Amino acid sequence: MAKAAEYYSRAKQLIEVDQDWQASGSMILKALAEERKSENTGLQVMNVIKYQKPKTKLEFNFRS
């Protein structure tokens, strides 16, 4: 998310100081892409942890 915030601040500077609409829009799109990546990463890691099957099978024998 830090990278996204950096892109947003750069976009703000580009539009306010340089009045470069195209470059500012490009920075906003990069920031949105970074936000999307950071949000999806956590879910992917959780899915791997949640659905990962153990590599070895444990067998228990109960005798009475």
PDB file of N, CA and C in Angstrom:
ATOM      1  N   MET A   1       0.812  -1.190   0.000  1.00  0.00           N
ATOM      2  CA  MET A   1       0.000   0.000   0.000  1.00  0.00           C
ATOM      3  C   MET A   1       0.862   1.264   0.000  1.00  0.00           C
ATOM      4  N   ALA A   2       2.089   1.150   0.483  1.00  0.00           N
ATOM      5  CA  ALA A   2       2.969   2.315   0.511  1.00  0.00           C
ATOM      6  C   ALA A   2       3.294   2.774  -0.906  1.00  0.00           C
ATOM      7  N   LYS A   3       3.461   1.803  -1.797  1.00  0.00           N
ATOM      8  CA  LYS A   3       3.761   2.141  -3.183  1.00  0.00           C
ATOM      9  C   LYS A   3       2.572   2.858  -3.815  1.00  0.00           C
ATOM     10  N   ALA A   4       1.357   2.420  -3.493  1.00  0.00           N
ATOM     11  CA  ALA A   4       0.147   3.056  -4.020  1.00  0.00           C
ATOM     12  C   ALA A   4       0.051   4.495  -3.522  1.00  0.00           C
ATOM     13  N   ALA A   5       0.333   4.711  -2.251  1.00  0.00           N
ATOM     14  CA  ALA A   5       0.291   6.067  -1.691  1.00  0.00           C
ATOM     15  C   ALA A   5       1.322   6.964  -2.369  1.00  0.00           C
ATOM     16  N   GLU A   6       2.472   6.392  -2.678  1.00  0.00           N
ATOM     17  CA  GLU A   6       3.513   7.144  -3.383  1.00  0.00           C
ATOM     18  C   GLU A   6       3.031   7.556  -4.777  1.00  0.00           C
ATOM     19  N   TYR A   7       2.371   6.628  -5.471  1.00  0.00           N
ATOM     20  CA  TYR A   7       1.833   6.941  -6.798  1.00  0.00           C
ATOM     21  C   TYR A   7       0.753   8.021  -6.724  1.00  0.00           C
ATOM     22  N   TYR A   8      -0.104   7.954  -5.697  1.00  0.00           N
ATOM     23  CA  TYR A   8      -1.154   8.966  -5.547  1.00  0.00           C
ATOM     24  C   TYR A   8      -0.557  10.351  -5.297  1.00  0.00           C
ATOM     25  N   SER A   9       0.467  10.424  -4.452  1.00  0.00           N
ATOM     26  CA  SER A   9       1.084  11.726  -4.181  1.00  0.00           C
ATOM     27  C   SER A   9       1.796  12.265  -5.417  1.00  0.00           C
ATOM     28  N   ARG A  10       2.396  11.373  -6.176  1.00  0.00           N
ATOM     29  CA  ARG A  10       3.045  11.792  -7.437  1.00  0.00           C
ATOM     30  C   ARG A  10       1.997  12.294  -8.430  1.00  0.00           C
ATOM     31  N   ALA A  11       0.842  11.624  -8.485  1.00  0.00           N
ATOM     32  CA  ALA A  11      -0.243  12.056  -9.375  1.00  0.00           C
ATOM     33  C   ALA A  11      -0.744  13.441  -8.974  1.00  0.00           C
ATOM     34  N   LYS A  12      -0.862  13.658  -7.670  1.00  0.00           N
ATOM     35  CA  LYS A  12      -1.316  14.964  -7.173  1.00  0.00           C
ATOM     36  C   LYS A  12      -0.334  16.060  -7.566  1.00  0.00           C
ATOM     37  N   GLN A  13       0.953  15.768  -7.426  1.00  0.00           N
ATOM     38  CA  GLN A  13       1.972  16.752  -7.796  1.00  0.00           C
ATOM     39  C   GLN A  13       1.924  17.038  -9.298  1.00  0.00           C
ATOM     40  N   LEU A  14       1.778  15.996 -10.089  1.00  0.00           N
ATOM     41  CA  LEU A  14       1.750  16.175 -11.540  1.00  0.00           C
ATOM     42  C   LEU A  14       0.584  17.054 -11.980  1.00  0.00           C
ATOM     43  N   ILE A  15      -0.565  16.892 -11.350  1.00  0.00           N
ATOM     44  CA  ILE A  15      -1.721  17.671 -11.772  1.00  0.00           C
ATOM     45  C   ILE A  15      -1.683  19.091 -11.213  1.00  0.00           C
ATOM     46  N   GLU A  16      -1.224  19.251  -9.965  1.00  0.00           N
ATOM     47  CA  GLU A  16      -1.231  20.575  -9.344  1.00  0.00           C
ATOM     48  C   GLU A  16      -0.075  21.452  -9.800  1.00  0.00           C
ATOM     49  N   VAL A  17       1.100  20.876  -9.925  1.00  0.00           N
ATOM     50  CA  VAL A  17       2.286  21.666 -10.264  1.00  0.00           C
ATOM     51  C   VAL A  17       2.499  21.730 -11.774  1.00  0.00           C
ATOM     52  N   ASP A  18       2.545  20.565 -12.401  1.00  0.00           N
ATOM     53  CA  ASP A  18       2.874  20.505 -13.824  1.00  0.00           C
ATOM     54  C   ASP A  18       1.654  20.576 -14.731  1.00  0.00           C
ATOM     55  N   GLN A  19       0.471  20.395 -14.169  1.00  0.00           N
ATOM     56  CA  GLN A  19      -0.784  20.359 -14.925  1.00  0.00           C
ATOM     57  C   GLN A  19      -0.727  19.351 -16.069  1.00  0.00           C
ATOM     58  N   ASP A  20      -0.126  18.225 -15.780  1.00  0.00           N
ATOM     59  CA  ASP A  20       0.001  17.145 -16.762  1.00  0.00           C
ATOM     60  C   ASP A  20      -1.066  16.091 -16.463  1.00  0.00           C
ATOM     61  N   TRP A  21      -2.202  16.220 -17.140  1.00  0.00           N
ATOM     62  CA  TRP A  21      -3.344  15.337 -16.902  1.00  0.00           C
ATOM     63  C   TRP A  21      -3.035  13.890 -17.277  1.00  0.00           C
ATOM     64  N   GLN A  22      -2.339  13.709 -18.373  1.00  0.00           N
ATOM     65  CA  GLN A  22      -2.066  12.355 -18.854  1.00  0.00           C
ATOM     66  C   GLN A  22      -1.153  11.592 -17.887  1.00  0.00           C
ATOM     67  N   ALA A  23      -0.080  12.213 -17.464  1.00  0.00           N
ATOM     68  CA  ALA A  23       0.846  11.557 -16.535  1.00  0.00           C
ATOM     69  C   ALA A  23       0.179  11.323 -15.181  1.00  0.00           C
ATOM     70  N   SER A  24      -0.651  12.266 -14.755  1.00  0.00           N
ATOM     71  CA  SER A  24      -1.367  12.112 -13.496  1.00  0.00           C
ATOM     72  C   SER A  24      -2.323  10.923 -13.561  1.00  0.00           C
ATOM     73  N   GLY A  25      -3.041  10.807 -14.661  1.00  0.00           N
ATOM     74  CA  GLY A  25      -3.946   9.669 -14.849  1.00  0.00           C
ATOM     75  C   GLY A  25      -3.201   8.352 -14.850  1.00  0.00           C
ATOM     76  N   SER A  26      -2.033   8.349 -15.463  1.00  0.00           N
ATOM     77  CA  SER A  26      -1.207   7.146 -15.499  1.00  0.00           C
ATOM     78  C   SER A  26      -0.768   6.741 -14.091  1.00  0.00           C
ATOM     79  N   MET A  27      -0.388   7.718 -13.279  1.00  0.00           N
ATOM     80  CA  MET A  27       0.012   7.436 -11.896  1.00  0.00           C
ATOM     81  C   MET A  27      -1.165   6.893 -11.084  1.00  0.00           C
ATOM     82  N   ILE A  28      -2.354   7.439 -11.310  1.00  0.00           N
ATOM     83  CA  ILE A  28      -3.540   6.955 -10.592  1.00  0.00           C
ATOM     84  C   ILE A  28      -3.824   5.508 -10.966  1.00  0.00           C
ATOM     85  N   LEU A  29      -3.697   5.177 -12.246  1.00  0.00           N
ATOM     86  CA  LEU A  29      -3.915   3.792 -12.675  1.00  0.00           C
ATOM     87  C   LEU A  29      -2.882   2.850 -12.058  1.00  0.00           C
ATOM     88  N   LYS A  30      -1.628   3.300 -11.965  1.00  0.00           N
ATOM     89  CA  LYS A  30      -0.598   2.483 -11.320  1.00  0.00           C
ATOM     90  C   LYS A  30      -0.924   2.276  -9.843  1.00  0.00           C
ATOM     91  N   ALA A  31      -1.401   3.340  -9.184  1.00  0.00           N
ATOM     92  CA  ALA A  31      -1.756   3.238  -7.766  1.00  0.00           C
ATOM     93  C   ALA A  31      -2.897   2.248  -7.567  1.00  0.00           C
ATOM     94  N   LEU A  32      -3.900   2.304  -8.430  1.00  0.00           N
ATOM     95  CA  LEU A  32      -5.022   1.368  -8.332  1.00  0.00           C
ATOM     96  C   LEU A  32      -4.559  -0.072  -8.540  1.00  0.00           C
ATOM     97  N   ALA A  33      -3.644  -0.270  -9.476  1.00  0.00           N
ATOM     98  CA  ALA A  33      -3.105  -1.613  -9.725  1.00  0.00           C
ATOM     99  C   ALA A  33      -2.346  -2.123  -8.503  1.00  0.00           C
ATOM    100  N   GLU A  34      -1.582  -1.255  -7.855  1.00  0.00           N
ATOM    101  CA  GLU A  34      -0.844  -1.645  -6.646  1.00  0.00           C
ATOM    102  C   GLU A  34      -1.803  -2.008  -5.514  1.00  0.00           C
ATOM    103  N   GLU A  35      -2.878  -1.222  -5.368  1.00  0.00           N
ATOM    104  CA  GLU A  35      -3.868  -1.531  -4.335  1.00  0.00           C
ATOM    105  C   GLU A  35      -4.493  -2.893  -4.590  1.00  0.00           C
ATOM    106  N   ARG A  36      -4.825  -3.153  -5.832  1.00  0.00           N
ATOM    107  CA  ARG A  36      -5.445  -4.430  -6.190  1.00  0.00           C
ATOM    108  C   ARG A  36      -4.492  -5.584  -5.892  1.00  0.00           C
ATOM    109  N   LYS A  37      -3.218  -5.396  -6.239  1.00  0.00           N
ATOM    110  CA  LYS A  37      -2.226  -6.449  -5.974  1.00  0.00           C
ATOM    111  C   LYS A  37      -2.088  -6.711  -4.478  1.00  0.00           C
ATOM    112  N   SER A  38      -2.025  -5.648  -3.695  1.00  0.00           N
ATOM    113  CA  SER A  38      -1.836  -5.831  -2.254  1.00  0.00           C
ATOM    114  C   SER A  38      -3.058  -6.464  -1.605  1.00  0.00           C
ATOM    115  N   GLU A  39      -4.249  -6.179  -2.105  1.00  0.00           N
ATOM    116  CA  GLU A  39      -5.460  -6.796  -1.556  1.00  0.00           C
ATOM    117  C   GLU A  39      -5.532  -8.270  -1.923  1.00  0.00           C
ATOM    118  N   ASN A  40      -5.154  -8.623  -3.132  1.00  0.00           N
ATOM    119  CA  ASN A  40      -5.264 -10.006  -3.587  1.00  0.00           C
ATOM    120  C   ASN A  40      -4.196 -10.912  -2.993  1.00  0.00           C
ATOM    121  N   THR A  41      -3.056 -10.372  -2.642  1.00  0.00           N
ATOM    122  CA  THR A  41      -1.963 -11.186  -2.125  1.00  0.00           C
ATOM    123  C   THR A  41      -2.362 -11.900  -0.846  1.00  0.00           C
ATOM    124  N   GLY A  42      -2.990 -11.197   0.064  1.00  0.00           N
ATOM    125  CA  GLY A  42      -3.408 -11.802   1.323  1.00  0.00           C
ATOM    126  C   GLY A  42      -4.378 -12.946   1.113  1.00  0.00           C
ATOM    127  N   LEU A  43      -5.325 -12.764   0.206  1.00  0.00           N
ATOM    128  CA  LEU A  43      -6.298 -13.815  -0.055  1.00  0.00           C
ATOM    129  C   LEU A  43      -5.638 -15.039  -0.659  1.00  0.00           C
ATOM    130  N   GLN A  44      -4.695 -14.832  -1.550  1.00  0.00           N
ATOM    131  CA  GLN A  44      -4.016 -15.963  -2.169  1.00  0.00           C
ATOM    132  C   GLN A  44      -3.230 -16.749  -1.130  1.00  0.00           C
ATOM    133  N   VAL A  45      -2.559 -16.065  -0.241  1.00  0.00           N
ATOM    134  CA  VAL A  45      -1.788 -16.736   0.803  1.00  0.00           C
ATOM    135  C   VAL A  45      -2.726 -17.513   1.715  1.00  0.00           C
ATOM    136  N   MET A  46      -3.845 -16.910   2.090  1.00  0.00           N
ATOM    137  CA  MET A  46      -4.808 -17.589   2.956  1.00  0.00           C
ATOM    138  C   MET A  46      -5.381 -18.823   2.275  1.00  0.00           C
ATOM    139  N   ASN A  47      -5.664 -18.737   0.983  1.00  0.00           N
ATOM    140  CA  ASN A  47      -6.189 -19.897   0.263  1.00  0.00           C
ATOM    141  C   ASN A  47      -5.172 -21.024   0.211  1.00  0.00           C
ATOM    142  N   VAL A  48      -3.906 -20.703   0.043  1.00  0.00           N
ATOM    143  CA  VAL A  48      -2.865 -21.729   0.019  1.00  0.00           C
ATOM    144  C   VAL A  48      -2.774 -22.397   1.385  1.00  0.00           C
ATOM    145  N   ILE A  49      -2.804 -21.602   2.436  1.00  0.00           N
ATOM    146  CA  ILE A  49      -2.730 -22.159   3.785  1.00  0.00           C
ATOM    147  C   ILE A  49      -3.972 -22.999   4.083  1.00  0.00           C
ATOM    148  N   LYS A  50      -5.121 -22.496   3.703  1.00  0.00           N
ATOM    149  CA  LYS A  50      -6.380 -23.158   4.024  1.00  0.00           C
ATOM    150  C   LYS A  50      -6.533 -24.487   3.302  1.00  0.00           C
ATOM    151  N   TYR A  51      -6.160 -24.545   2.039  1.00  0.00           N
ATOM    152  CA  TYR A  51      -6.421 -25.723   1.223  1.00  0.00           C
ATOM    153  C   TYR A  51      -5.215 -26.624   1.010  1.00  0.00           C
ATOM    154  N   GLN A  52      -4.110 -26.329   1.653  1.00  0.00           N
ATOM    155  CA  GLN A  52      -2.916 -27.144   1.474  1.00  0.00           C
ATOM    156  C   GLN A  52      -3.081 -28.460   2.233  1.00  0.00           C
ATOM    157  N   LYS A  53      -2.926 -29.542   1.525  1.00  0.00           N
ATOM    158  CA  LYS A  53      -3.061 -30.860   2.136  1.00  0.00           C
ATOM    159  C   LYS A  53      -1.707 -31.303   2.677  1.00  0.00           C
ATOM    160  N   PRO A  54      -1.711 -32.042   3.761  1.00  0.00           N
ATOM    161  CA  PRO A  54      -0.434 -32.530   4.290  1.00  0.00           C
ATOM    162  C   PRO A  54       0.221 -33.498   3.310  1.00  0.00           C
ATOM    163  N   LYS A  55       1.535 -33.497   3.294  1.00  0.00           N
ATOM    164  CA  LYS A  55       2.273 -34.345   2.354  1.00  0.00           C
ATOM    165  C   LYS A  55       2.408 -35.778   2.859  1.00  0.00           C
ATOM    166  N   THR A  56       2.281 -35.973   4.138  1.00  0.00           N
ATOM    167  CA  THR A  56       2.392 -37.326   4.689  1.00  0.00           C
ATOM    168  C   THR A  56       1.068 -37.718   5.324  1.00  0.00           C
ATOM    169  N   LYS A  57       0.798 -38.982   5.294  1.00  0.00           N
ATOM    170  CA  LYS A  57      -0.444 -39.489   5.873  1.00  0.00           C
ATOM    171  C   LYS A  57      -0.122 -40.157   7.205  1.00  0.00           C
ATOM    172  N   LEU A  58      -0.833 -39.752   8.219  1.00  0.00           N
ATOM    173  CA  LEU A  58      -0.639 -40.344   9.536  1.00  0.00           C
ATOM    174  C   LEU A  58      -1.673 -41.445   9.723  1.00  0.00           C
ATOM    175  N   GLU A  59      -1.227 -42.578  10.188  1.00  0.00           N
ATOM    176  CA  GLU A  59      -2.145 -43.680  10.433  1.00  0.00           C
ATOM    177  C   GLU A  59      -2.128 -44.013  11.912  1.00  0.00           C
ATOM    178  N   PHE A  60      -3.301 -44.200  12.444  1.00  0.00           N
ATOM    179  CA  PHE A  60      -3.434 -44.548  13.850  1.00  0.00           C
ATOM    180  C   PHE A  60      -4.082 -45.919  13.951  1.00  0.00           C
ATOM    181  N   ASN A  61      -3.528 -46.764  14.779  1.00  0.00           N
ATOM    182  CA  ASN A  61      -4.101 -48.082  15.050  1.00  0.00           C
ATOM    183  C   ASN A  61      -4.531 -48.110  16.507  1.00  0.00           C
ATOM    184  N   PHE A  62      -5.797 -48.375  16.713  1.00  0.00           N
ATOM    185  CA  PHE A  62      -6.323 -48.472  18.068  1.00  0.00           C
ATOM    186  C   PHE A  62      -6.626 -49.935  18.362  1.00  0.00           C
ATOM    187  N   ARG A  63      -5.971 -50.456  19.357  1.00  0.00           N
ATOM    188  CA  ARG A  63      -6.207 -51.852  19.757  1.00  0.00           C
ATOM    189  C   ARG A  63      -6.835 -51.877  21.140  1.00  0.00           C
ATOM    190  N   SER A  64      -7.799 -52.779  21.314  1.00  0.00           N
ATOM    191  CA  SER A  64      -8.419 -52.878  22.630  1.00  0.00           C
ATOM    192  C   SER A  64      -8.065 -54.162  23.328  1.00  0.00           C
TER     193      SER A  64
END
